Amino acid sequence: MGGIGKNDVEKYLENNPQFAKEYFDRKLRVEALGDIFKVSPGDVKDGVSFKEMTKLEESHLLFELLMEIQDETTIMERTVHKVLKRMAQLLDADRCSMFLYRSRNGTPEVATRLLDVTPDSTYESSLIPPEREIFFPLDIGIAGWAAHTKKLYNIPDVKKF
């Protein structure tokens, strides 16, 4: 009974590029990251704070997001939602939202379609449909002021602001 040789494996991988991609995405990346950081890979658990994460888990999160961004079939809003979920987790934030600066009818404003994203929220629960989109001029609210001044603000308790 003959064995499978190196040439057979190479030919199979060349003729099945999708299989090769999926296999190496699933197997090699985690093993390679583990070797680099000298830790054993573990699943990233929801609710883990930034301080509790290992270097491998941090790298895995970032790598997962980068791969999703590069995927042409991914809806960008889903990727942004995933980024906001992870940011809320890493920053130990109550919630995150992303406001975009735009100009409509010559009036500058900020608008969002993803609002109140928490580490446990679903994409569907955070998505604001176009007909219910939230927007306001730059001179209103924290997000408007941040867009107007082009500076970052960390408000520990927005209820006291």
N, C-alpha and C. Protein backbone atom coordinates (compact mmCIF):
# COMPACT_ATOMS: atom_id res chain seq x y z
N MET A 1 0.85 -1.16 0.00
CA MET A 1 0.00 0.00 0.00
C MET A 1 0.90 1.23 0.00
N GLY A 2 0.70 2.10 -0.96
CA GLY A 2 1.54 3.28 -1.12
C GLY A 2 1.07 4.44 -0.25
N GLY A 3 2.00 5.26 0.10
CA GLY A 3 1.68 6.45 0.90
C GLY A 3 1.52 7.68 0.01
N ILE A 4 1.08 8.71 0.61
CA ILE A 4 0.90 9.98 -0.09
C ILE A 4 2.21 10.75 0.02
N GLY A 5 2.71 11.20 -1.11
CA GLY A 5 3.98 11.91 -1.13
C GLY A 5 3.80 13.42 -1.13
N LYS A 6 4.90 14.10 -1.01
CA LYS A 6 4.92 15.56 -0.98
C LYS A 6 4.31 16.14 -2.25
N ASN A 7 4.65 15.56 -3.39
CA ASN A 7 4.12 16.04 -4.67
C ASN A 7 2.60 15.89 -4.73
N ASP A 8 2.07 14.79 -4.18
CA ASP A 8 0.61 14.58 -4.16
C ASP A 8 -0.09 15.64 -3.33
N VAL A 9 0.50 15.96 -2.18
CA VAL A 9 -0.08 16.97 -1.29
C VAL A 9 -0.04 18.34 -1.97
N GLU A 10 1.11 18.69 -2.56
CA GLU A 10 1.23 19.98 -3.23
C GLU A 10 0.24 20.10 -4.37
N LYS A 11 0.08 19.04 -5.14
CA LYS A 11 -0.87 19.05 -6.27
C LYS A 11 -2.30 19.23 -5.76
N TYR A 12 -2.64 18.53 -4.68
CA TYR A 12 -3.98 18.65 -4.11
C TYR A 12 -4.25 20.08 -3.64
N LEU A 13 -3.28 20.67 -2.93
CA LEU A 13 -3.45 22.03 -2.42
C LEU A 13 -3.57 23.05 -3.56
N GLU A 14 -2.78 22.85 -4.60
CA GLU A 14 -2.85 23.76 -5.75
C GLU A 14 -4.19 23.64 -6.47
N ASN A 15 -4.74 22.45 -6.52
CA ASN A 15 -6.03 22.25 -7.20
C ASN A 15 -7.23 22.58 -6.31
N ASN A 16 -7.00 22.77 -5.02
CA ASN A 16 -8.09 23.07 -4.07
C ASN A 16 -7.69 24.27 -3.20
N PRO A 17 -7.58 25.46 -3.80
CA PRO A 17 -7.09 26.61 -3.04
C PRO A 17 -8.03 27.01 -1.89
N GLN A 18 -9.32 26.84 -2.05
CA GLN A 18 -10.24 27.21 -0.97
C GLN A 18 -10.03 26.31 0.25
N PHE A 19 -9.84 25.01 0.02
CA PHE A 19 -9.55 24.09 1.12
C PHE A 19 -8.26 24.50 1.82
N ALA A 20 -7.21 24.79 1.03
CA ALA A 20 -5.91 25.17 1.60
C ALA A 20 -6.06 26.43 2.46
N LYS A 21 -6.79 27.43 1.96
CA LYS A 21 -6.99 28.67 2.71
C LYS A 21 -7.72 28.40 4.02
N GLU A 22 -8.81 27.66 3.96
CA GLU A 22 -9.58 27.37 5.17
C GLU A 22 -8.76 26.56 6.17
N TYR A 23 -8.01 25.60 5.69
CA TYR A 23 -7.21 24.77 6.58
C TYR A 23 -6.14 25.60 7.30
N PHE A 24 -5.40 26.39 6.54
CA PHE A 24 -4.34 27.18 7.15
C PHE A 24 -4.90 28.31 8.01
N ASP A 25 -6.05 28.88 7.63
CA ASP A 25 -6.68 29.89 8.49
C ASP A 25 -7.04 29.29 9.84
N ARG A 26 -7.54 28.05 9.81
CA ARG A 26 -8.03 27.40 11.03
C ARG A 26 -6.88 26.84 11.87
N LYS A 27 -5.89 26.27 11.25
CA LYS A 27 -4.84 25.56 11.98
C LYS A 27 -3.58 26.36 12.22
N LEU A 28 -3.01 26.86 11.16
CA LEU A 28 -1.68 27.42 11.24
C LEU A 28 -1.62 28.73 12.00
N ARG A 29 -2.62 29.58 11.81
CA ARG A 29 -2.55 30.91 12.43
C ARG A 29 -2.48 30.81 13.95
N VAL A 30 -3.35 30.02 14.55
CA VAL A 30 -3.35 29.91 16.01
C VAL A 30 -2.04 29.30 16.49
N GLU A 31 -1.56 28.26 15.79
CA GLU A 31 -0.31 27.62 16.19
C GLU A 31 0.87 28.58 16.03
N ALA A 32 0.89 29.33 14.94
CA ALA A 32 1.99 30.27 14.71
C ALA A 32 1.98 31.37 15.75
N LEU A 33 0.82 31.90 16.06
CA LEU A 33 0.73 32.93 17.09
C LEU A 33 1.16 32.39 18.44
N GLY A 34 0.77 31.15 18.73
CA GLY A 34 1.18 30.53 19.99
C GLY A 34 2.68 30.39 20.09
N ASP A 35 3.31 30.01 18.97
CA ASP A 35 4.77 29.88 18.96
C ASP A 35 5.45 31.23 19.14
N ILE A 36 4.90 32.24 18.49
CA ILE A 36 5.51 33.58 18.59
C ILE A 36 5.45 34.10 20.02
N PHE A 37 4.28 33.96 20.65
CA PHE A 37 4.09 34.52 21.98
C PHE A 37 4.39 33.53 23.10
N LYS A 38 4.76 32.31 22.74
CA LYS A 38 5.13 31.29 23.72
C LYS A 38 4.02 31.03 24.75
N VAL A 39 2.79 30.99 24.26
CA VAL A 39 1.65 30.66 25.11
C VAL A 39 0.77 29.70 24.35
N SER A 40 -0.05 28.98 25.08
CA SER A 40 -0.97 28.07 24.41
C SER A 40 -2.23 28.82 24.02
N PRO A 41 -2.74 28.56 22.82
CA PRO A 41 -3.92 29.29 22.37
C PRO A 41 -5.16 28.87 23.15
N GLY A 42 -6.00 29.83 23.41
CA GLY A 42 -7.28 29.56 24.06
C GLY A 42 -8.33 30.40 23.40
N ASP A 43 -9.55 30.01 23.50
CA ASP A 43 -10.61 30.79 22.90
C ASP A 43 -10.76 32.10 23.66
N VAL A 44 -10.98 33.16 22.92
CA VAL A 44 -11.22 34.46 23.54
C VAL A 44 -12.64 34.43 24.09
N LYS A 45 -12.74 34.65 25.36
CA LYS A 45 -14.04 34.57 26.02
C LYS A 45 -14.65 35.95 26.13
N ASP A 46 -15.94 36.04 25.85
CA ASP A 46 -16.63 37.31 26.01
C ASP A 46 -16.63 37.68 27.48
N GLY A 47 -16.51 38.97 27.74
CA GLY A 47 -16.52 39.44 29.12
C GLY A 47 -15.17 39.47 29.77
N VAL A 48 -14.12 39.05 29.04
CA VAL A 48 -12.77 39.08 29.58
C VAL A 48 -12.25 40.51 29.46
N SER A 49 -11.72 41.05 30.53
CA SER A 49 -11.21 42.42 30.48
C SER A 49 -9.85 42.43 29.79
N PHE A 50 -9.43 43.62 29.39
CA PHE A 50 -8.15 43.78 28.71
C PHE A 50 -7.00 43.27 29.57
N LYS A 51 -7.06 43.52 30.86
CA LYS A 51 -5.98 43.11 31.76
C LYS A 51 -5.89 41.59 31.87
N GLU A 52 -7.00 40.89 31.67
CA GLU A 52 -7.01 39.43 31.81
C GLU A 52 -6.61 38.71 30.52
N MET A 53 -6.54 39.44 29.42
CA MET A 53 -6.22 38.81 28.14
C MET A 53 -4.74 38.53 28.03
N THR A 54 -4.43 37.46 27.35
CA THR A 54 -3.04 37.15 27.05
C THR A 54 -2.67 37.84 25.74
N LYS A 55 -1.40 37.92 25.47
CA LYS A 55 -0.94 38.50 24.20
C LYS A 55 -1.54 37.73 23.02
N LEU A 56 -1.66 36.43 23.16
CA LEU A 56 -2.22 35.62 22.08
C LEU A 56 -3.67 35.99 21.83
N GLU A 57 -4.44 36.16 22.89
CA GLU A 57 -5.85 36.52 22.73
C GLU A 57 -5.99 37.89 22.09
N GLU A 58 -5.16 38.85 22.51
CA GLU A 58 -5.19 40.18 21.91
C GLU A 58 -4.87 40.08 20.42
N SER A 59 -3.83 39.35 20.08
CA SER A 59 -3.42 39.20 18.68
C SER A 59 -4.51 38.49 17.87
N HIS A 60 -5.11 37.48 18.48
CA HIS A 60 -6.17 36.75 17.79
C HIS A 60 -7.35 37.67 17.49
N LEU A 61 -7.73 38.52 18.44
CA LEU A 61 -8.83 39.47 18.22
C LEU A 61 -8.51 40.41 17.06
N LEU A 62 -7.33 40.98 17.09
CA LEU A 62 -6.95 41.93 16.04
C LEU A 62 -6.86 41.24 14.69
N PHE A 63 -6.29 40.06 14.67
CA PHE A 63 -6.16 39.32 13.42
C PHE A 63 -7.53 38.96 12.86
N GLU A 64 -8.43 38.53 13.72
CA GLU A 64 -9.79 38.18 13.31
C GLU A 64 -10.49 39.39 12.67
N LEU A 65 -10.33 40.55 13.27
CA LEU A 65 -10.95 41.77 12.74
C LEU A 65 -10.32 42.16 11.40
N LEU A 66 -9.00 42.07 11.30
CA LEU A 66 -8.34 42.41 10.04
C LEU A 66 -8.78 41.49 8.91
N MET A 67 -8.91 40.21 9.21
CA MET A 67 -9.35 39.25 8.19
C MET A 67 -10.78 39.58 7.74
N GLU A 68 -11.63 39.96 8.67
CA GLU A 68 -13.00 40.29 8.32
C GLU A 68 -13.06 41.56 7.48
N ILE A 69 -12.22 42.53 7.79
CA ILE A 69 -12.19 43.76 7.01
C ILE A 69 -11.75 43.48 5.58
N GLN A 70 -10.84 42.55 5.39
CA GLN A 70 -10.33 42.23 4.06
C GLN A 70 -11.31 41.40 3.24
N ASP A 71 -12.26 40.75 3.88
CA ASP A 71 -13.22 39.91 3.18
C ASP A 71 -14.19 40.79 2.40
N GLU A 72 -14.18 40.66 1.08
CA GLU A 72 -15.02 41.51 0.24
C GLU A 72 -16.50 41.24 0.39
N THR A 73 -16.88 40.08 0.89
CA THR A 73 -18.30 39.75 1.01
C THR A 73 -18.90 40.25 2.32
N THR A 74 -18.06 40.75 3.23
CA THR A 74 -18.53 41.19 4.54
C THR A 74 -19.20 42.56 4.42
N ILE A 75 -20.30 42.72 5.09
CA ILE A 75 -20.96 44.02 5.18
C ILE A 75 -20.15 44.83 6.18
N MET A 76 -19.68 45.99 5.77
CA MET A 76 -18.77 46.78 6.60
C MET A 76 -19.41 47.14 7.94
N GLU A 77 -20.71 47.40 7.97
CA GLU A 77 -21.35 47.74 9.24
C GLU A 77 -21.25 46.59 10.24
N ARG A 78 -21.29 45.34 9.77
CA ARG A 78 -21.13 44.20 10.66
C ARG A 78 -19.72 44.18 11.26
N THR A 79 -18.74 44.50 10.45
CA THR A 79 -17.37 44.55 10.93
C THR A 79 -17.21 45.67 11.95
N VAL A 80 -17.77 46.84 11.65
CA VAL A 80 -17.70 47.96 12.60
C VAL A 80 -18.37 47.58 13.91
N HIS A 81 -19.51 46.87 13.82
CA HIS A 81 -20.19 46.42 15.04
C HIS A 81 -19.29 45.51 15.86
N LYS A 82 -18.62 44.59 15.18
CA LYS A 82 -17.71 43.67 15.87
C LYS A 82 -16.56 44.44 16.52
N VAL A 83 -16.02 45.44 15.82
CA VAL A 83 -14.95 46.26 16.38
C VAL A 83 -15.45 46.99 17.62
N LEU A 84 -16.65 47.58 17.55
CA LEU A 84 -17.19 48.31 18.69
C LEU A 84 -17.45 47.38 19.88
N LYS A 85 -17.92 46.16 19.61
CA LYS A 85 -18.11 45.19 20.70
C LYS A 85 -16.79 44.92 21.41
N ARG A 86 -15.75 44.67 20.62
CA ARG A 86 -14.44 44.38 21.20
C ARG A 86 -13.87 45.60 21.91
N MET A 87 -14.09 46.80 21.36
CA MET A 87 -13.62 48.01 22.01
C MET A 87 -14.31 48.20 23.37
N ALA A 88 -15.60 47.96 23.42
CA ALA A 88 -16.32 48.06 24.69
C ALA A 88 -15.74 47.06 25.69
N GLN A 89 -15.42 45.87 25.20
CA GLN A 89 -14.85 44.84 26.07
C GLN A 89 -13.45 45.25 26.54
N LEU A 90 -12.60 45.68 25.62
CA LEU A 90 -11.22 46.02 25.96
C LEU A 90 -11.14 47.26 26.85
N LEU A 91 -12.03 48.22 26.63
CA LEU A 91 -12.00 49.46 27.41
C LEU A 91 -12.86 49.39 28.66
N ASP A 92 -13.55 48.26 28.84
CA ASP A 92 -14.47 48.10 29.95
C ASP A 92 -15.51 49.22 29.95
N ALA A 93 -16.00 49.53 28.74
CA ALA A 93 -16.98 50.60 28.55
C ALA A 93 -18.39 50.05 28.67
N ASP A 94 -19.28 50.88 29.14
CA ASP A 94 -20.68 50.51 29.26
C ASP A 94 -21.27 50.27 27.87
N ARG A 95 -20.93 51.13 26.92
CA ARG A 95 -21.40 50.98 25.54
C ARG A 95 -20.56 51.85 24.63
N CYS A 96 -20.63 51.55 23.35
CA CYS A 96 -19.93 52.33 22.33
C CYS A 96 -20.89 52.63 21.19
N SER A 97 -20.65 53.72 20.53
CA SER A 97 -21.39 54.08 19.32
C SER A 97 -20.38 54.71 18.38
N MET A 98 -20.69 54.67 17.10
CA MET A 98 -19.82 55.33 16.14
C MET A 98 -20.62 56.35 15.36
N PHE A 99 -20.16 57.59 15.43
CA PHE A 99 -20.79 58.67 14.69
C PHE A 99 -19.89 59.04 13.52
N LEU A 100 -20.48 59.31 12.38
CA LEU A 100 -19.74 59.70 11.19
C LEU A 100 -20.02 61.15 10.87
N TYR A 101 -19.01 61.86 10.47
CA TYR A 101 -19.16 63.25 10.06
C TYR A 101 -19.58 63.26 8.59
N ARG A 102 -20.55 64.08 8.28
CA ARG A 102 -20.97 64.23 6.89
C ARG A 102 -21.60 65.62 6.72
N SER A 103 -21.83 65.98 5.49
CA SER A 103 -22.49 67.24 5.20
C SER A 103 -23.70 66.92 4.33
N ARG A 104 -24.86 67.33 4.80
CA ARG A 104 -26.09 67.09 4.04
C ARG A 104 -26.75 68.43 3.80
N ASN A 105 -27.04 68.72 2.54
CA ASN A 105 -27.62 70.01 2.15
C ASN A 105 -26.77 71.18 2.64
N GLY A 106 -25.45 70.99 2.65
CA GLY A 106 -24.53 72.04 3.05
C GLY A 106 -24.38 72.23 4.54
N THR A 107 -25.08 71.44 5.34
CA THR A 107 -25.00 71.56 6.79
C THR A 107 -24.18 70.40 7.36
N PRO A 108 -23.05 70.71 8.04
CA PRO A 108 -22.27 69.63 8.64
C PRO A 108 -23.02 69.01 9.82
N GLU A 109 -22.91 67.68 9.91
CA GLU A 109 -23.61 66.97 10.98
C GLU A 109 -22.89 65.67 11.29
N VAL A 110 -23.27 65.05 12.38
CA VAL A 110 -22.81 63.71 12.71
C VAL A 110 -24.01 62.78 12.66
N ALA A 111 -23.77 61.55 12.24
CA ALA A 111 -24.86 60.59 12.10
C ALA A 111 -24.36 59.21 12.49
N THR A 112 -25.28 58.36 12.89
CA THR A 112 -24.93 56.99 13.24
C THR A 112 -25.99 56.02 12.75
N ARG A 113 -25.54 54.80 12.50
CA ARG A 113 -26.46 53.70 12.24
C ARG A 113 -26.22 52.58 13.24
N LEU A 114 -25.14 52.67 14.01
CA LEU A 114 -24.85 51.70 15.07
C LEU A 114 -24.81 52.47 16.38
N LEU A 115 -25.69 52.10 17.29
CA LEU A 115 -25.82 52.85 18.53
C LEU A 115 -25.91 51.88 19.70
N ASP A 116 -25.35 52.27 20.82
CA ASP A 116 -25.40 51.50 22.07
C ASP A 116 -24.91 50.06 21.90
N VAL A 117 -23.70 49.94 21.35
CA VAL A 117 -23.08 48.63 21.17
C VAL A 117 -22.40 48.24 22.47
N THR A 118 -22.76 47.08 23.01
CA THR A 118 -22.16 46.55 24.23
C THR A 118 -21.42 45.26 23.89
N PRO A 119 -20.61 44.74 24.80
CA PRO A 119 -19.93 43.48 24.51
C PRO A 119 -20.89 42.32 24.20
N ASP A 120 -22.14 42.42 24.66
CA ASP A 120 -23.11 41.34 24.45
C ASP A 120 -24.17 41.66 23.40
N SER A 121 -24.14 42.84 22.81
CA SER A 121 -25.21 43.22 21.88
C SER A 121 -25.10 42.49 20.56
N THR A 122 -26.22 42.38 19.89
CA THR A 122 -26.25 41.78 18.56
C THR A 122 -26.23 42.90 17.53
N TYR A 123 -25.81 42.56 16.33
CA TYR A 123 -25.77 43.53 15.24
C TYR A 123 -27.16 44.09 14.99
N GLU A 124 -28.14 43.22 14.97
CA GLU A 124 -29.51 43.64 14.67
C GLU A 124 -30.07 44.60 15.73
N SER A 125 -29.71 44.40 17.00
CA SER A 125 -30.24 45.27 18.05
C SER A 125 -29.56 46.64 18.06
N SER A 126 -28.37 46.74 17.50
CA SER A 126 -27.63 48.01 17.49
C SER A 126 -27.81 48.79 16.20
N LEU A 127 -28.30 48.13 15.16
CA LEU A 127 -28.44 48.76 13.86
C LEU A 127 -29.66 49.68 13.84
N ILE A 128 -29.45 50.91 13.42
CA ILE A 128 -30.53 51.88 13.27
C ILE A 128 -30.90 51.90 11.78
N PRO A 129 -32.15 51.59 11.43
CA PRO A 129 -32.53 51.61 10.01
C PRO A 129 -32.46 53.03 9.44
N PRO A 130 -32.25 53.17 8.14
CA PRO A 130 -32.09 54.49 7.54
C PRO A 130 -33.23 55.47 7.86
N GLU A 131 -34.44 54.97 7.93
CA GLU A 131 -35.57 55.87 8.20
C GLU A 131 -35.58 56.36 9.65
N ARG A 132 -34.83 55.70 10.55
CA ARG A 132 -34.76 56.13 11.96
C ARG A 132 -33.35 56.59 12.34
N GLU A 133 -32.55 56.91 11.34
CA GLU A 133 -31.17 57.32 11.55
C GLU A 133 -31.11 58.52 12.49
N ILE A 134 -30.10 58.52 13.33
CA ILE A 134 -29.91 59.60 14.30
C ILE A 134 -28.83 60.53 13.74
N PHE A 135 -29.16 61.81 13.62
CA PHE A 135 -28.20 62.80 13.15
C PHE A 135 -28.50 64.13 13.82
N PHE A 136 -27.44 64.93 13.98
CA PHE A 136 -27.61 66.25 14.57
C PHE A 136 -26.43 67.13 14.19
N PRO A 137 -26.62 68.47 14.25
CA PRO A 137 -25.54 69.39 13.88
C PRO A 137 -24.34 69.27 14.81
N LEU A 138 -23.21 69.80 14.36
CA LEU A 138 -21.97 69.69 15.11
C LEU A 138 -21.99 70.45 16.43
N ASP A 139 -22.89 71.39 16.60
CA ASP A 139 -22.89 72.17 17.84
C ASP A 139 -23.78 71.57 18.93
N ILE A 140 -24.20 70.32 18.73
CA ILE A 140 -25.06 69.66 19.71
C ILE A 140 -24.41 68.35 20.17
N GLY A 141 -24.33 68.15 21.48
CA GLY A 141 -23.89 66.88 22.06
C GLY A 141 -22.39 66.67 22.07
N ILE A 142 -22.00 65.62 22.77
CA ILE A 142 -20.58 65.27 22.92
C ILE A 142 -19.99 64.85 21.58
N ALA A 143 -20.71 64.00 20.84
CA ALA A 143 -20.21 63.54 19.54
C ALA A 143 -20.08 64.70 18.57
N GLY A 144 -21.04 65.61 18.57
CA GLY A 144 -20.97 66.78 17.71
C GLY A 144 -19.78 67.66 18.04
N TRP A 145 -19.56 67.88 19.34
CA TRP A 145 -18.44 68.71 19.77
C TRP A 145 -17.10 68.04 19.43
N ALA A 146 -17.00 66.74 19.61
CA ALA A 146 -15.77 66.02 19.27
C ALA A 146 -15.48 66.13 17.78
N ALA A 147 -16.51 66.01 16.95
CA ALA A 147 -16.32 66.14 15.50
C ALA A 147 -15.94 67.58 15.14
N HIS A 148 -16.56 68.54 15.80
CA HIS A 148 -16.28 69.95 15.52
C HIS A 148 -14.84 70.32 15.91
N THR A 149 -14.38 69.89 17.07
CA THR A 149 -13.04 70.24 17.55
C THR A 149 -11.96 69.30 17.05
N LYS A 150 -12.37 68.14 16.52
CA LYS A 150 -11.45 67.10 16.03
C LYS A 150 -10.52 66.61 17.13
N LYS A 151 -11.06 66.49 18.34
CA LYS A 151 -10.31 65.98 19.48
C LYS A 151 -11.04 64.80 20.10
N LEU A 152 -10.29 63.93 20.76
CA LEU A 152 -10.86 62.80 21.47
C LEU A 152 -11.30 63.23 22.86
N TYR A 153 -12.39 62.68 23.32
CA TYR A 153 -12.86 62.95 24.67
C TYR A 153 -13.23 61.64 25.33
N ASN A 154 -12.78 61.47 26.56
CA ASN A 154 -13.17 60.31 27.36
C ASN A 154 -14.02 60.85 28.50
N ILE A 155 -15.29 60.56 28.46
CA ILE A 155 -16.22 61.04 29.48
C ILE A 155 -16.52 59.85 30.39
N PRO A 156 -15.95 59.81 31.60
CA PRO A 156 -16.15 58.67 32.50
C PRO A 156 -17.63 58.40 32.81
N ASP A 157 -18.41 59.46 32.98
CA ASP A 157 -19.83 59.27 33.28
C ASP A 157 -20.61 60.35 32.53
N VAL A 158 -21.17 59.98 31.37
CA VAL A 158 -21.87 60.97 30.55
C VAL A 158 -23.13 61.52 31.22
N LYS A 159 -23.64 60.81 32.21
CA LYS A 159 -24.83 61.29 32.92
C LYS A 159 -24.51 62.51 33.76
N LYS A 160 -23.24 62.68 34.13
CA LYS A 160 -22.82 63.83 34.94
C LYS A 160 -22.30 64.97 34.07
N PHE A 161 -22.28 64.78 32.76
CA PHE A 161 -21.72 65.78 31.86
C PHE A 161 -22.69 66.88 31.59
